[in-house]
Amino acid sequence: MISITVPNIFFNIWFWYAFMAIVIAIHFFWGKTPSPPKPSKFFAKHKKTINRIMDVCIILFVLLFWLTMMSLPIGILVTSPYDRPELRAEFFHFALQAFLISAISASGLSGAFIGFLSTFQSNLTKVKRSTLLIISLLPIVFTILLLLINHTEKPEDSWLTIKSGLGNSLGCWIINGPAIILGKHFFRVAWTIGCALRLVSGDYPG
């Protein structure tokens, strides 16, 4: 039986970033700019209905994801030995740790998905931008709280916690950052960049 060894470089995310950058550069200098997309009559007619369905799907996904991530800390609290005071504080601390670790991941992913809601894709008022800012800062807030309750842990463990917080907040800022800073939705900014790189053409179809 022939065994295949995959080079480790293919598991490095920076390799794929570099590969995509090279492909985009080749297309920019030698590729042909695609024609502007033709407007869809079906989407134009049912745009509000489609947006509502997508909003409901996003909200349900966010709620389900939070419930899934919170199952561990809830399970710890349920099984806590309330009849043994000497273990009660230890179980509570462990449950709080589990909650914050889960909340870092849950707030990061759900924050990015919330940015896709139709209400945040147009008419970005100061209230909407402030709401997205608060949502995008939640992973960092939970990370700081986790560091505070684990102030006695080793520096390398604290650094892993910090990297986790920054990594989970990255998606929020990629999706919500343009709306917060520029007042323009992620898709509109991405379309503008795509036009500059000759990957797309025409006005933003949204």
N, C-alpha and C. Protein backbone atom coordinates (compact mmCIF):
# COMPACT_ATOMS: atom_id res chain seq x y z
N MET A 1 0.85 -1.20 0.00
CA MET A 1 0.00 0.00 0.00
C MET A 1 0.89 1.25 0.00
N ILE A 2 0.61 2.16 -0.89
CA ILE A 2 1.43 3.37 -1.02
C ILE A 2 1.00 4.38 0.03
N SER A 3 1.96 4.89 0.77
CA SER A 3 1.67 5.91 1.78
C SER A 3 2.04 7.28 1.20
N ILE A 4 1.20 8.25 1.46
CA ILE A 4 1.42 9.61 0.96
C ILE A 4 1.74 10.52 2.13
N THR A 5 2.85 11.22 2.04
CA THR A 5 3.25 12.17 3.08
C THR A 5 2.97 13.58 2.60
N VAL A 6 2.14 14.30 3.34
CA VAL A 6 1.80 15.67 2.98
C VAL A 6 2.80 16.61 3.65
N PRO A 7 3.49 17.45 2.88
CA PRO A 7 4.45 18.39 3.48
C PRO A 7 3.78 19.27 4.53
N ASN A 8 4.51 19.56 5.59
CA ASN A 8 3.95 20.36 6.69
C ASN A 8 3.56 21.76 6.25
N ILE A 9 4.18 22.26 5.19
CA ILE A 9 3.89 23.63 4.76
C ILE A 9 2.44 23.80 4.34
N PHE A 10 1.81 22.69 3.89
CA PHE A 10 0.41 22.77 3.46
C PHE A 10 -0.53 22.93 4.65
N PHE A 11 -0.04 22.74 5.86
CA PHE A 11 -0.85 22.94 7.06
C PHE A 11 -0.61 24.31 7.68
N ASN A 12 0.22 25.11 7.03
CA ASN A 12 0.54 26.45 7.52
C ASN A 12 -0.38 27.45 6.84
N ILE A 13 -1.17 28.20 7.62
CA ILE A 13 -2.14 29.12 7.06
C ILE A 13 -1.47 30.25 6.29
N TRP A 14 -0.24 30.63 6.72
CA TRP A 14 0.46 31.71 6.02
C TRP A 14 0.87 31.29 4.61
N PHE A 15 1.09 30.00 4.41
CA PHE A 15 1.39 29.51 3.06
C PHE A 15 0.21 29.77 2.13
N TRP A 16 -1.02 29.52 2.62
CA TRP A 16 -2.20 29.71 1.80
C TRP A 16 -2.50 31.18 1.58
N TYR A 17 -2.19 32.03 2.58
CA TYR A 17 -2.33 33.47 2.39
C TYR A 17 -1.39 33.95 1.28
N ALA A 18 -0.14 33.47 1.33
CA ALA A 18 0.84 33.85 0.31
C ALA A 18 0.42 33.33 -1.07
N PHE A 19 -0.13 32.10 -1.10
CA PHE A 19 -0.57 31.51 -2.37
C PHE A 19 -1.70 32.34 -2.97
N MET A 20 -2.68 32.75 -2.13
CA MET A 20 -3.78 33.57 -2.63
C MET A 20 -3.29 34.92 -3.12
N ALA A 21 -2.31 35.50 -2.38
CA ALA A 21 -1.76 36.79 -2.80
C ALA A 21 -1.08 36.69 -4.16
N ILE A 22 -0.37 35.60 -4.41
CA ILE A 22 0.30 35.40 -5.70
C ILE A 22 -0.73 35.24 -6.81
N VAL A 23 -1.79 34.45 -6.55
CA VAL A 23 -2.85 34.25 -7.55
C VAL A 23 -3.53 35.57 -7.90
N ILE A 24 -3.82 36.38 -6.88
CA ILE A 24 -4.46 37.69 -7.11
C ILE A 24 -3.54 38.60 -7.90
N ALA A 25 -2.23 38.57 -7.57
CA ALA A 25 -1.27 39.41 -8.29
C ALA A 25 -1.18 39.01 -9.76
N ILE A 26 -1.15 37.71 -10.03
CA ILE A 26 -1.11 37.23 -11.42
C ILE A 26 -2.35 37.67 -12.18
N HIS A 27 -3.51 37.54 -11.51
CA HIS A 27 -4.76 37.96 -12.16
C HIS A 27 -4.77 39.47 -12.40
N PHE A 28 -4.24 40.25 -11.46
CA PHE A 28 -4.25 41.70 -11.58
C PHE A 28 -3.43 42.17 -12.79
N PHE A 29 -2.27 41.55 -13.01
CA PHE A 29 -1.40 42.00 -14.09
C PHE A 29 -1.71 41.35 -15.44
N TRP A 30 -2.21 40.13 -15.43
CA TRP A 30 -2.42 39.42 -16.70
C TRP A 30 -3.85 38.92 -16.91
N GLY A 31 -4.67 38.98 -15.88
CA GLY A 31 -6.03 38.48 -16.02
C GLY A 31 -6.97 39.48 -16.67
N LYS A 32 -8.16 39.02 -16.98
CA LYS A 32 -9.18 39.85 -17.60
C LYS A 32 -10.25 40.20 -16.58
N THR A 33 -10.59 41.49 -16.49
CA THR A 33 -11.61 41.91 -15.55
C THR A 33 -12.97 41.38 -15.96
N PRO A 34 -13.68 40.68 -15.07
CA PRO A 34 -14.99 40.12 -15.44
C PRO A 34 -16.02 41.21 -15.70
N SER A 35 -17.04 40.86 -16.45
CA SER A 35 -18.11 41.81 -16.75
C SER A 35 -18.94 42.06 -15.49
N PRO A 36 -19.57 43.24 -15.40
CA PRO A 36 -20.43 43.51 -14.23
C PRO A 36 -21.54 42.48 -14.12
N PRO A 37 -21.88 42.06 -12.91
CA PRO A 37 -22.95 41.05 -12.75
C PRO A 37 -24.31 41.59 -13.18
N LYS A 38 -25.11 40.74 -13.77
CA LYS A 38 -26.45 41.13 -14.18
C LYS A 38 -27.38 41.06 -12.97
N PRO A 39 -28.18 42.10 -12.77
CA PRO A 39 -29.08 42.10 -11.60
C PRO A 39 -30.10 40.97 -11.69
N SER A 40 -30.34 40.31 -10.56
CA SER A 40 -31.29 39.22 -10.50
C SER A 40 -32.69 39.77 -10.25
N LYS A 41 -33.62 39.49 -11.16
CA LYS A 41 -34.99 39.97 -10.99
C LYS A 41 -35.66 39.29 -9.80
N PHE A 42 -35.35 38.00 -9.61
CA PHE A 42 -35.94 37.26 -8.50
C PHE A 42 -35.49 37.86 -7.17
N PHE A 43 -34.18 38.15 -7.03
CA PHE A 43 -33.67 38.71 -5.78
C PHE A 43 -34.23 40.10 -5.54
N ALA A 44 -34.31 40.90 -6.60
CA ALA A 44 -34.85 42.25 -6.45
C ALA A 44 -36.30 42.23 -6.00
N LYS A 45 -37.05 41.24 -6.50
CA LYS A 45 -38.47 41.15 -6.16
C LYS A 45 -38.69 40.64 -4.75
N HIS A 46 -37.85 39.71 -4.32
CA HIS A 46 -38.04 39.08 -3.01
C HIS A 46 -36.91 39.44 -2.04
N LYS A 47 -36.29 40.57 -2.22
CA LYS A 47 -35.13 40.95 -1.39
C LYS A 47 -35.48 41.00 0.10
N LYS A 48 -36.58 41.64 0.45
CA LYS A 48 -36.96 41.76 1.86
C LYS A 48 -37.23 40.39 2.48
N THR A 49 -37.92 39.53 1.75
CA THR A 49 -38.23 38.19 2.27
C THR A 49 -36.96 37.38 2.47
N ILE A 50 -36.05 37.45 1.49
CA ILE A 50 -34.78 36.71 1.60
C ILE A 50 -33.96 37.22 2.77
N ASN A 51 -33.93 38.54 2.96
CA ASN A 51 -33.17 39.12 4.07
C ASN A 51 -33.76 38.69 5.42
N ARG A 52 -35.09 38.63 5.51
CA ARG A 52 -35.73 38.20 6.75
C ARG A 52 -35.41 36.74 7.07
N ILE A 53 -35.45 35.91 6.03
CA ILE A 53 -35.12 34.49 6.23
C ILE A 53 -33.68 34.33 6.69
N MET A 54 -32.76 35.08 6.06
CA MET A 54 -31.36 35.02 6.44
C MET A 54 -31.15 35.52 7.86
N ASP A 55 -31.87 36.58 8.22
CA ASP A 55 -31.75 37.12 9.59
C ASP A 55 -32.21 36.10 10.63
N VAL A 56 -33.31 35.42 10.34
CA VAL A 56 -33.82 34.40 11.27
C VAL A 56 -32.83 33.26 11.40
N CYS A 57 -32.24 32.83 10.28
CA CYS A 57 -31.25 31.74 10.31
C CYS A 57 -30.03 32.14 11.12
N ILE A 58 -29.57 33.38 10.95
CA ILE A 58 -28.40 33.85 11.69
C ILE A 58 -28.69 33.90 13.19
N ILE A 59 -29.86 34.44 13.55
CA ILE A 59 -30.22 34.54 14.97
C ILE A 59 -30.35 33.16 15.60
N LEU A 60 -30.98 32.23 14.90
CA LEU A 60 -31.13 30.86 15.41
C LEU A 60 -29.76 30.19 15.57
N PHE A 61 -28.87 30.41 14.60
CA PHE A 61 -27.53 29.83 14.69
C PHE A 61 -26.78 30.38 15.89
N VAL A 62 -26.86 31.70 16.09
CA VAL A 62 -26.16 32.34 17.22
C VAL A 62 -26.69 31.80 18.54
N LEU A 63 -28.02 31.71 18.67
CA LEU A 63 -28.61 31.20 19.91
C LEU A 63 -28.22 29.74 20.16
N LEU A 64 -28.27 28.92 19.11
CA LEU A 64 -27.91 27.51 19.24
C LEU A 64 -26.44 27.35 19.60
N PHE A 65 -25.59 28.17 19.00
CA PHE A 65 -24.16 28.09 19.30
C PHE A 65 -23.87 28.48 20.74
N TRP A 66 -24.54 29.55 21.23
CA TRP A 66 -24.35 29.95 22.62
C TRP A 66 -24.83 28.87 23.58
N LEU A 67 -26.00 28.27 23.28
CA LEU A 67 -26.52 27.20 24.13
C LEU A 67 -25.57 26.01 24.17
N THR A 68 -24.99 25.69 23.01
CA THR A 68 -24.04 24.57 22.95
C THR A 68 -22.79 24.87 23.77
N MET A 69 -22.25 26.08 23.62
CA MET A 69 -21.03 26.45 24.33
C MET A 69 -21.26 26.58 25.83
N MET A 70 -22.48 26.94 26.23
CA MET A 70 -22.77 27.11 27.65
C MET A 70 -23.13 25.80 28.35
N SER A 71 -23.24 24.71 27.59
CA SER A 71 -23.63 23.43 28.19
C SER A 71 -22.59 22.93 29.20
N LEU A 72 -21.30 23.19 28.93
CA LEU A 72 -20.25 22.74 29.86
C LEU A 72 -20.32 23.45 31.21
N PRO A 73 -20.27 24.81 31.24
CA PRO A 73 -20.36 25.46 32.57
C PRO A 73 -21.66 25.16 33.30
N ILE A 74 -22.78 25.04 32.55
CA ILE A 74 -24.05 24.71 33.20
C ILE A 74 -23.98 23.30 33.80
N GLY A 75 -23.37 22.37 33.06
CA GLY A 75 -23.23 21.01 33.57
C GLY A 75 -22.37 20.95 34.82
N ILE A 76 -21.33 21.78 34.87
CA ILE A 76 -20.46 21.82 36.06
C ILE A 76 -21.24 22.33 37.27
N LEU A 77 -22.06 23.38 37.06
CA LEU A 77 -22.84 23.92 38.17
C LEU A 77 -23.88 22.92 38.65
N VAL A 78 -24.49 22.21 37.72
CA VAL A 78 -25.52 21.24 38.09
C VAL A 78 -24.94 20.10 38.92
N THR A 79 -23.72 19.67 38.57
CA THR A 79 -23.10 18.55 39.28
C THR A 79 -22.27 19.01 40.49
N SER A 80 -22.30 20.30 40.77
CA SER A 80 -21.51 20.81 41.89
C SER A 80 -22.00 20.20 43.22
N PRO A 81 -21.07 19.78 44.08
CA PRO A 81 -21.45 19.17 45.37
C PRO A 81 -21.84 20.24 46.40
N TYR A 82 -23.10 20.70 46.32
CA TYR A 82 -23.55 21.76 47.22
C TYR A 82 -23.55 21.33 48.68
N ASP A 83 -23.53 20.02 48.92
CA ASP A 83 -23.54 19.55 50.29
C ASP A 83 -22.15 19.52 50.91
N ARG A 84 -21.13 19.91 50.11
CA ARG A 84 -19.75 19.92 50.62
C ARG A 84 -19.17 21.32 50.42
N PRO A 85 -19.26 22.17 51.45
CA PRO A 85 -18.82 23.56 51.34
C PRO A 85 -17.34 23.69 50.95
N GLU A 86 -16.51 22.73 51.34
CA GLU A 86 -15.07 22.85 51.05
C GLU A 86 -14.78 22.72 49.55
N LEU A 87 -15.71 22.11 48.79
CA LEU A 87 -15.53 21.96 47.34
C LEU A 87 -16.37 22.94 46.54
N ARG A 88 -17.30 23.62 47.21
CA ARG A 88 -18.23 24.49 46.50
C ARG A 88 -17.50 25.63 45.78
N ALA A 89 -16.57 26.30 46.47
CA ALA A 89 -15.84 27.42 45.88
C ALA A 89 -14.98 26.96 44.70
N GLU A 90 -14.37 25.77 44.84
CA GLU A 90 -13.54 25.24 43.76
C GLU A 90 -14.37 24.94 42.52
N PHE A 91 -15.54 24.35 42.71
CA PHE A 91 -16.41 24.05 41.57
C PHE A 91 -16.92 25.32 40.92
N PHE A 92 -17.25 26.32 41.75
CA PHE A 92 -17.74 27.59 41.20
C PHE A 92 -16.65 28.26 40.36
N HIS A 93 -15.41 28.24 40.84
CA HIS A 93 -14.30 28.83 40.10
C HIS A 93 -14.08 28.09 38.79
N PHE A 94 -14.18 26.78 38.82
CA PHE A 94 -14.01 25.97 37.62
C PHE A 94 -15.13 26.27 36.62
N ALA A 95 -16.38 26.41 37.12
CA ALA A 95 -17.52 26.72 36.25
C ALA A 95 -17.37 28.11 35.64
N LEU A 96 -16.85 29.06 36.42
CA LEU A 96 -16.63 30.41 35.91
C LEU A 96 -15.56 30.41 34.82
N GLN A 97 -14.50 29.63 35.04
CA GLN A 97 -13.48 29.49 34.02
C GLN A 97 -14.07 28.92 32.72
N ALA A 98 -14.84 27.85 32.86
CA ALA A 98 -15.45 27.22 31.69
C ALA A 98 -16.39 28.19 30.97
N PHE A 99 -17.13 28.99 31.75
CA PHE A 99 -18.04 29.97 31.15
C PHE A 99 -17.26 31.00 30.33
N LEU A 100 -16.19 31.55 30.90
CA LEU A 100 -15.44 32.59 30.22
C LEU A 100 -14.73 32.05 28.98
N ILE A 101 -14.16 30.84 29.09
CA ILE A 101 -13.50 30.23 27.92
C ILE A 101 -14.52 30.00 26.81
N SER A 102 -15.70 29.49 27.17
CA SER A 102 -16.75 29.27 26.17
C SER A 102 -17.26 30.59 25.61
N ALA A 103 -17.37 31.60 26.48
CA ALA A 103 -17.89 32.90 26.05
C ALA A 103 -16.95 33.59 25.07
N ILE A 104 -15.64 33.38 25.24
CA ILE A 104 -14.67 33.98 24.32
C ILE A 104 -14.91 33.46 22.90
N SER A 105 -15.04 32.15 22.77
CA SER A 105 -15.28 31.55 21.45
C SER A 105 -16.67 31.91 20.92
N ALA A 106 -17.68 31.82 21.79
CA ALA A 106 -19.05 32.08 21.35
C ALA A 106 -19.24 33.52 20.92
N SER A 107 -18.69 34.46 21.68
CA SER A 107 -18.87 35.88 21.34
C SER A 107 -18.10 36.24 20.09
N GLY A 108 -16.96 35.58 19.87
CA GLY A 108 -16.18 35.87 18.67
C GLY A 108 -16.91 35.45 17.40
N LEU A 109 -17.36 34.20 17.36
CA LEU A 109 -18.03 33.70 16.16
C LEU A 109 -19.40 34.35 15.97
N SER A 110 -20.18 34.42 17.06
CA SER A 110 -21.51 35.00 16.93
C SER A 110 -21.44 36.49 16.61
N GLY A 111 -20.42 37.18 17.11
CA GLY A 111 -20.26 38.61 16.79
C GLY A 111 -20.05 38.83 15.31
N ALA A 112 -19.26 37.95 14.68
CA ALA A 112 -19.04 38.06 13.24
C ALA A 112 -20.34 37.80 12.48
N PHE A 113 -21.11 36.79 12.90
CA PHE A 113 -22.36 36.47 12.20
C PHE A 113 -23.40 37.56 12.40
N ILE A 114 -23.42 38.19 13.57
CA ILE A 114 -24.38 39.28 13.80
C ILE A 114 -24.13 40.42 12.83
N GLY A 115 -22.86 40.63 12.45
CA GLY A 115 -22.53 41.67 11.48
C GLY A 115 -23.14 41.43 10.12
N PHE A 116 -23.59 40.19 9.84
CA PHE A 116 -24.22 39.87 8.55
C PHE A 116 -25.72 40.16 8.54
N LEU A 117 -26.30 40.51 9.70
CA LEU A 117 -27.72 40.84 9.74
C LEU A 117 -28.03 42.01 8.81
N SER A 118 -29.18 41.98 8.18
CA SER A 118 -29.53 43.00 7.18
C SER A 118 -29.57 44.40 7.78
N THR A 119 -29.91 44.50 9.06
CA THR A 119 -29.98 45.82 9.68
C THR A 119 -28.64 46.52 9.75
N PHE A 120 -27.54 45.73 9.70
CA PHE A 120 -26.20 46.31 9.75
C PHE A 120 -25.56 46.44 8.37
N GLN A 121 -26.35 46.23 7.30
CA GLN A 121 -25.80 46.30 5.95
C GLN A 121 -26.13 47.61 5.25
N SER A 122 -26.94 48.45 5.87
CA SER A 122 -27.28 49.75 5.28
C SER A 122 -27.67 50.71 6.39
N ASN A 123 -27.64 51.99 6.06
CA ASN A 123 -28.02 53.04 7.01
C ASN A 123 -27.35 52.84 8.36
N LEU A 124 -26.02 52.80 8.34
CA LEU A 124 -25.24 52.53 9.55
C LEU A 124 -25.16 53.79 10.41
N THR A 125 -26.13 53.94 11.29
CA THR A 125 -26.16 55.08 12.20
C THR A 125 -25.13 54.90 13.32
N LYS A 126 -24.98 55.94 14.13
CA LYS A 126 -24.04 55.87 15.24
C LYS A 126 -24.44 54.78 16.24
N VAL A 127 -25.75 54.61 16.42
CA VAL A 127 -26.24 53.57 17.35
C VAL A 127 -25.84 52.19 16.84
N LYS A 128 -26.03 51.94 15.54
CA LYS A 128 -25.68 50.63 14.97
C LYS A 128 -24.18 50.39 15.05
N ARG A 129 -23.39 51.41 14.74
CA ARG A 129 -21.93 51.27 14.78
C ARG A 129 -21.45 51.05 16.21
N SER A 130 -22.08 51.73 17.16
CA SER A 130 -21.73 51.54 18.58
C SER A 130 -22.09 50.14 19.04
N THR A 131 -23.24 49.63 18.57
CA THR A 131 -23.66 48.27 18.92
C THR A 131 -22.66 47.25 18.40
N LEU A 132 -22.22 47.42 17.15
CA LEU A 132 -21.22 46.51 16.58
C LEU A 132 -19.90 46.62 17.32
N LEU A 133 -19.55 47.82 17.77
CA LEU A 133 -18.30 48.01 18.52
C LEU A 133 -18.35 47.23 19.84
N ILE A 134 -19.47 47.33 20.55
CA ILE A 134 -19.62 46.61 21.82
C ILE A 134 -19.55 45.11 21.59
N ILE A 135 -20.26 44.63 20.54
CA ILE A 135 -20.26 43.20 20.23
C ILE A 135 -18.85 42.72 19.89
N SER A 136 -18.10 43.52 19.14
CA SER A 136 -16.75 43.13 18.72
C SER A 136 -15.74 43.16 19.86
N LEU A 137 -16.05 43.92 20.91
CA LEU A 137 -15.14 44.00 22.06
C LEU A 137 -15.40 42.91 23.10
N LEU A 138 -16.52 42.21 22.98
CA LEU A 138 -16.88 41.20 23.98
C LEU A 138 -15.81 40.11 24.15
N PRO A 139 -15.22 39.55 23.07
CA PRO A 139 -14.17 38.54 23.28
C PRO A 139 -13.00 39.05 24.12
N ILE A 140 -12.63 40.32 23.92
CA ILE A 140 -11.54 40.92 24.68
C ILE A 140 -11.94 41.10 26.15
N VAL A 141 -13.19 41.51 26.36
CA VAL A 141 -13.69 41.69 27.73
C VAL A 141 -13.67 40.36 28.48
N PHE A 142 -14.17 39.30 27.85
CA PHE A 142 -14.17 37.98 28.48
C PHE A 142 -12.74 37.48 28.71
N THR A 143 -11.83 37.82 27.79
CA THR A 143 -10.42 37.43 27.95
C THR A 143 -9.80 38.11 29.17
N ILE A 144 -10.08 39.40 29.34
CA ILE A 144 -9.55 40.14 30.48
C ILE A 144 -10.09 39.57 31.79
N LEU A 145 -11.39 39.25 31.83
CA LEU A 145 -11.98 38.66 33.03
C LEU A 145 -11.35 37.31 33.35
N LEU A 146 -11.08 36.51 32.30
CA LEU A 146 -10.44 35.21 32.52
C LEU A 146 -9.04 35.37 33.06
N LEU A 147 -8.31 36.36 32.57
CA LEU A 147 -6.97 36.63 33.08
C LEU A 147 -7.01 37.09 34.54
N LEU A 148 -8.03 37.85 34.89
CA LEU A 148 -8.14 38.36 36.26
C LEU A 148 -8.42 37.24 37.27
N ILE A 149 -9.26 36.28 36.88
CA ILE A 149 -9.57 35.20 37.84
C ILE A 149 -8.47 34.14 37.85
N ASN A 150 -7.60 34.17 36.83
CA ASN A 150 -6.48 33.22 36.77
C ASN A 150 -5.14 33.95 36.89
N HIS A 151 -5.11 34.97 37.73
CA HIS A 151 -3.92 35.81 37.84
C HIS A 151 -2.70 35.05 38.38
N THR A 152 -2.93 33.87 38.94
CA THR A 152 -1.80 33.11 39.51
C THR A 152 -1.20 32.11 38.52
N GLU A 153 -1.77 32.00 37.31
CA GLU A 153 -1.27 31.00 36.37
C GLU A 153 0.05 31.45 35.75
N LYS A 154 0.73 30.53 35.09
CA LYS A 154 2.03 30.80 34.51
C LYS A 154 1.92 31.79 33.35
N PRO A 155 3.01 32.57 33.09
CA PRO A 155 2.98 33.54 31.99
C PRO A 155 2.64 32.92 30.64
N GLU A 156 3.15 31.70 30.37
CA GLU A 156 2.87 31.07 29.08
C GLU A 156 1.39 30.71 28.95
N ASP A 157 0.75 30.35 30.08
CA ASP A 157 -0.69 30.06 30.05
C ASP A 157 -1.49 31.35 29.81
N SER A 158 -1.03 32.42 30.43
CA SER A 158 -1.70 33.72 30.22
C SER A 158 -1.57 34.15 28.77
N TRP A 159 -0.41 33.90 28.16
CA TRP A 159 -0.19 34.27 26.77
C TRP A 159 -1.11 33.46 25.85
N LEU A 160 -1.34 32.19 26.17
CA LEU A 160 -2.27 31.38 25.39
C LEU A 160 -3.70 31.94 25.48
N THR A 161 -4.06 32.41 26.67
CA THR A 161 -5.38 33.02 26.85
C THR A 161 -5.51 34.29 26.02
N ILE A 162 -4.45 35.10 26.02
CA ILE A 162 -4.47 36.35 25.25
C ILE A 162 -4.58 36.06 23.75
N LYS A 163 -3.80 35.07 23.29
CA LYS A 163 -3.85 34.70 21.86
C LYS A 163 -5.24 34.19 21.49
N SER A 164 -5.87 33.44 22.40
CA SER A 164 -7.21 32.95 22.14
C SER A 164 -8.20 34.11 22.01
N GLY A 165 -8.09 35.09 22.90
CA GLY A 165 -8.98 36.24 22.85
C GLY A 165 -8.79 37.05 21.58
N LEU A 166 -7.53 37.29 21.20
CA LEU A 166 -7.26 38.05 19.98
C LEU A 166 -7.70 37.29 18.74
N GLY A 167 -7.45 35.97 18.75
CA GLY A 167 -7.85 35.16 17.60
C GLY A 167 -9.36 35.11 17.41
N ASN A 168 -10.09 35.00 18.52
CA ASN A 168 -11.55 34.92 18.42
C ASN A 168 -12.17 36.27 18.09
N SER A 169 -11.50 37.36 18.43
CA SER A 169 -12.04 38.68 18.09
C SER A 169 -11.68 39.11 16.67
N LEU A 170 -10.75 38.38 16.03
CA LEU A 170 -10.32 38.75 14.69
C LEU A 170 -11.47 38.72 13.69
N GLY A 171 -12.29 37.64 13.76
CA GLY A 171 -13.42 37.54 12.84
C GLY A 171 -14.39 38.70 13.00
N CYS A 172 -14.64 39.10 14.26
CA CYS A 172 -15.53 40.24 14.52
C CYS A 172 -15.04 41.49 13.81
N TRP A 173 -13.73 41.74 13.93
CA TRP A 173 -13.19 42.98 13.38
C TRP A 173 -13.06 42.94 11.87
N ILE A 174 -12.85 41.76 11.31
CA ILE A 174 -12.82 41.66 9.85
C ILE A 174 -14.19 41.98 9.27
N ILE A 175 -15.25 41.44 9.89
CA ILE A 175 -16.62 41.66 9.38
C ILE A 175 -17.18 43.01 9.82
N ASN A 176 -16.99 43.37 11.09
CA ASN A 176 -17.62 44.57 11.63
C ASN A 176 -16.74 45.81 11.60
N GLY A 177 -15.42 45.61 11.44
CA GLY A 177 -14.50 46.74 11.44
C GLY A 177 -14.83 47.81 10.41
N PRO A 178 -15.07 47.43 9.14
CA PRO A 178 -15.42 48.46 8.15
C PRO A 178 -16.65 49.28 8.53
N ALA A 179 -17.67 48.61 9.10
CA ALA A 179 -18.88 49.33 9.51
C ALA A 179 -18.59 50.26 10.68
N ILE A 180 -17.79 49.79 11.63
CA ILE A 180 -17.47 50.60 12.82
C ILE A 180 -16.61 51.80 12.46
N ILE A 181 -15.58 51.57 11.67
CA ILE A 181 -14.59 52.62 11.39
C ILE A 181 -14.97 53.49 10.20
N LEU A 182 -15.45 52.85 9.12
CA LEU A 182 -15.72 53.58 7.87
C LEU A 182 -17.18 53.89 7.65
N GLY A 183 -18.07 53.22 8.41
CA GLY A 183 -19.49 53.42 8.18
C GLY A 183 -19.99 52.70 6.94
N LYS A 184 -19.23 51.71 6.47
CA LYS A 184 -19.60 50.95 5.28
C LYS A 184 -19.54 49.47 5.63
N HIS A 185 -20.51 48.71 5.11
CA HIS A 185 -20.56 47.29 5.43
C HIS A 185 -19.40 46.54 4.81
N PHE A 186 -19.05 45.40 5.40
CA PHE A 186 -17.94 44.58 4.95
C PHE A 186 -18.04 44.22 3.47
N PHE A 187 -19.23 43.80 3.02
CA PHE A 187 -19.40 43.38 1.63
C PHE A 187 -19.15 44.54 0.66
N ARG A 188 -19.58 45.74 1.04
CA ARG A 188 -19.38 46.90 0.18
C ARG A 188 -17.89 47.24 0.08
N VAL A 189 -17.20 47.19 1.22
CA VAL A 189 -15.76 47.45 1.21
C VAL A 189 -15.02 46.37 0.44
N ALA A 190 -15.43 45.10 0.65
CA ALA A 190 -14.80 43.99 -0.08
C ALA A 190 -15.02 44.13 -1.57
N TRP A 191 -16.21 44.61 -1.99
CA TRP A 191 -16.48 44.82 -3.42
C TRP A 191 -15.58 45.91 -3.98
N THR A 192 -15.39 46.98 -3.21
CA THR A 192 -14.51 48.08 -3.65
C THR A 192 -13.08 47.59 -3.83
N ILE A 193 -12.60 46.78 -2.88
CA ILE A 193 -11.25 46.22 -2.99
C ILE A 193 -11.17 45.28 -4.19
N GLY A 194 -12.23 44.48 -4.37
CA GLY A 194 -12.27 43.57 -5.52
C GLY A 194 -12.20 44.31 -6.84
N CYS A 195 -12.88 45.46 -6.92
CA CYS A 195 -12.82 46.28 -8.14
C CYS A 195 -11.41 46.82 -8.35
N ALA A 196 -10.76 47.25 -7.26
CA ALA A 196 -9.39 47.77 -7.38
C ALA A 196 -8.42 46.69 -7.83
N LEU A 197 -8.67 45.43 -7.43
CA LEU A 197 -7.82 44.32 -7.81
C LEU A 197 -8.25 43.66 -9.13
N ARG A 198 -9.29 44.24 -9.75
CA ARG A 198 -9.81 43.75 -11.04
C ARG A 198 -10.39 42.34 -10.91
N LEU A 199 -10.89 42.01 -9.73
CA LEU A 199 -11.53 40.72 -9.53
C LEU A 199 -13.03 40.80 -9.87
N VAL A 200 -13.61 41.98 -9.71
CA VAL A 200 -15.01 42.22 -10.06
C VAL A 200 -15.09 43.60 -10.72
N SER A 201 -16.27 43.92 -11.23
CA SER A 201 -16.45 45.23 -11.86
C SER A 201 -17.90 45.66 -11.69
N GLY A 202 -18.14 46.94 -11.91
CA GLY A 202 -19.49 47.47 -11.78
C GLY A 202 -19.81 47.94 -10.38
N ASP A 203 -21.01 48.43 -10.19
CA ASP A 203 -21.45 48.91 -8.88
C ASP A 203 -21.78 47.74 -7.96
N TYR A 204 -21.69 48.00 -6.67
CA TYR A 204 -22.00 46.96 -5.67
C TYR A 204 -23.45 46.53 -5.86
N PRO A 205 -23.70 45.22 -6.03
CA PRO A 205 -25.05 44.75 -6.33
C PRO A 205 -26.00 44.68 -5.15
N GLY A 206 -25.53 44.98 -3.94
CA GLY A 206 -26.35 44.84 -2.76
C GLY A 206 -27.46 45.87 -2.66
